[in-house]
Amino acid sequence: MTHIASHSAQKELNFEISYLVARFGRRQALVAIIKTCFKGKGRPPDSVSHLSNHLRRDIGMPEIVAKSRRGGTEKV
């Protein structure tokens, strides 16, 4: 990251914080920022590896292709 890009990002952050303080007040803005910092990242996405090919097609995922014992490939 260059110095110019870093400076620009810092200016944007300062502007956004100033806007929040002007709109909601110092205390509410500070509490919201602190809550956001300590808030968890949320639940990780569910794994789709256990889904059947039918369900995988329904949600737009590629089908699982298993190798057959004869050396060819077949859909599971």
Protein backbone atom coordinates (compact mmCIF):
# COMPACT_ATOMS: atom_id res chain seq x y z
CA MET A 1 0.00 0.00 0.00
CA THR A 2 1.40 3.34 -0.93
CA HIS A 3 1.51 6.36 1.32
CA ILE A 4 -1.10 8.12 -0.82
CA ALA A 5 -3.58 5.23 -0.58
CA SER A 6 -3.04 5.00 3.17
CA HIS A 7 -3.56 8.74 3.59
CA SER A 8 -6.74 8.60 1.51
CA ALA A 9 -8.14 5.72 3.57
CA GLN A 10 -7.37 7.59 6.77
CA LYS A 11 -9.12 10.71 5.47
CA GLU A 12 -12.20 8.66 4.54
CA LEU A 13 -12.26 7.01 7.97
CA ASN A 14 -11.97 10.38 9.71
CA PHE A 15 -14.78 11.76 7.57
CA GLU A 16 -17.07 8.81 8.35
CA ILE A 17 -16.38 9.03 12.08
CA SER A 18 -17.02 12.79 12.02
CA TYR A 19 -20.31 12.17 10.23
CA LEU A 20 -21.39 9.58 12.81
CA VAL A 21 -20.49 11.90 15.69
CA ALA A 22 -22.36 14.80 14.09
CA ARG A 23 -25.44 12.67 13.45
CA PHE A 24 -25.66 10.57 16.63
CA GLY A 25 -23.45 12.31 19.17
CA ARG A 26 -20.11 11.34 20.67
CA ARG A 27 -21.37 8.84 23.20
CA GLN A 28 -23.58 6.83 20.83
CA ALA A 29 -20.93 6.80 18.11
CA LEU A 30 -18.25 5.63 20.56
CA VAL A 31 -20.48 2.89 22.00
CA ALA A 32 -21.38 1.68 18.49
CA ILE A 33 -17.72 1.61 17.42
CA ILE A 34 -16.68 -0.30 20.56
CA LYS A 35 -19.54 -2.80 20.14
CA THR A 36 -18.50 -3.38 16.54
CA CYS A 37 -14.89 -4.01 17.56
CA PHE A 38 -15.83 -6.61 20.17
CA LYS A 39 -18.63 -8.22 18.19
CA GLY A 40 -17.93 -11.72 16.95
CA LYS A 41 -17.46 -12.46 13.30
CA GLY A 42 -20.66 -14.47 13.19
CA ARG A 43 -21.29 -18.08 12.43
CA PRO A 44 -19.10 -19.72 9.79
CA PRO A 45 -20.92 -20.95 6.69
CA ASP A 46 -22.33 -24.46 6.82
CA SER A 47 -20.42 -27.19 5.04
CA VAL A 48 -22.02 -28.53 1.86
CA SER A 49 -19.74 -31.54 1.49
CA HIS A 50 -22.36 -33.90 2.95
CA LEU A 51 -25.16 -32.88 0.55
CA SER A 52 -26.36 -35.22 -2.17
CA ASN A 53 -25.90 -34.29 -5.83
CA HIS A 54 -29.63 -33.54 -6.08
CA LEU A 55 -29.44 -30.90 -3.34
CA ARG A 56 -26.15 -29.56 -4.67
CA ARG A 57 -27.79 -28.99 -8.09
CA ASP A 58 -30.74 -27.25 -6.40
CA ILE A 59 -28.48 -24.63 -4.82
CA GLY A 60 -26.24 -24.23 -7.86
CA MET A 61 -23.22 -26.18 -6.61
CA PRO A 62 -21.27 -28.54 -8.88
CA GLU A 63 -21.98 -32.23 -8.51
CA ILE A 64 -19.52 -34.56 -6.81
CA VAL A 65 -17.86 -36.91 -9.27
CA ALA A 66 -16.43 -40.12 -7.82
CA LYS A 67 -13.93 -42.34 -9.58
CA SER A 68 -15.23 -45.82 -10.29
CA ARG A 69 -13.26 -48.96 -9.61
CA ARG A 70 -12.79 -49.51 -13.35
CA GLY A 71 -10.91 -46.22 -13.74
CA GLY A 72 -13.73 -44.16 -15.21
CA THR A 73 -15.74 -41.48 -13.49
CA GLU A 74 -19.34 -41.58 -12.41
CA LYS A 75 -21.61 -39.21 -10.54
CA VAL A 76 -22.29 -40.07 -6.94
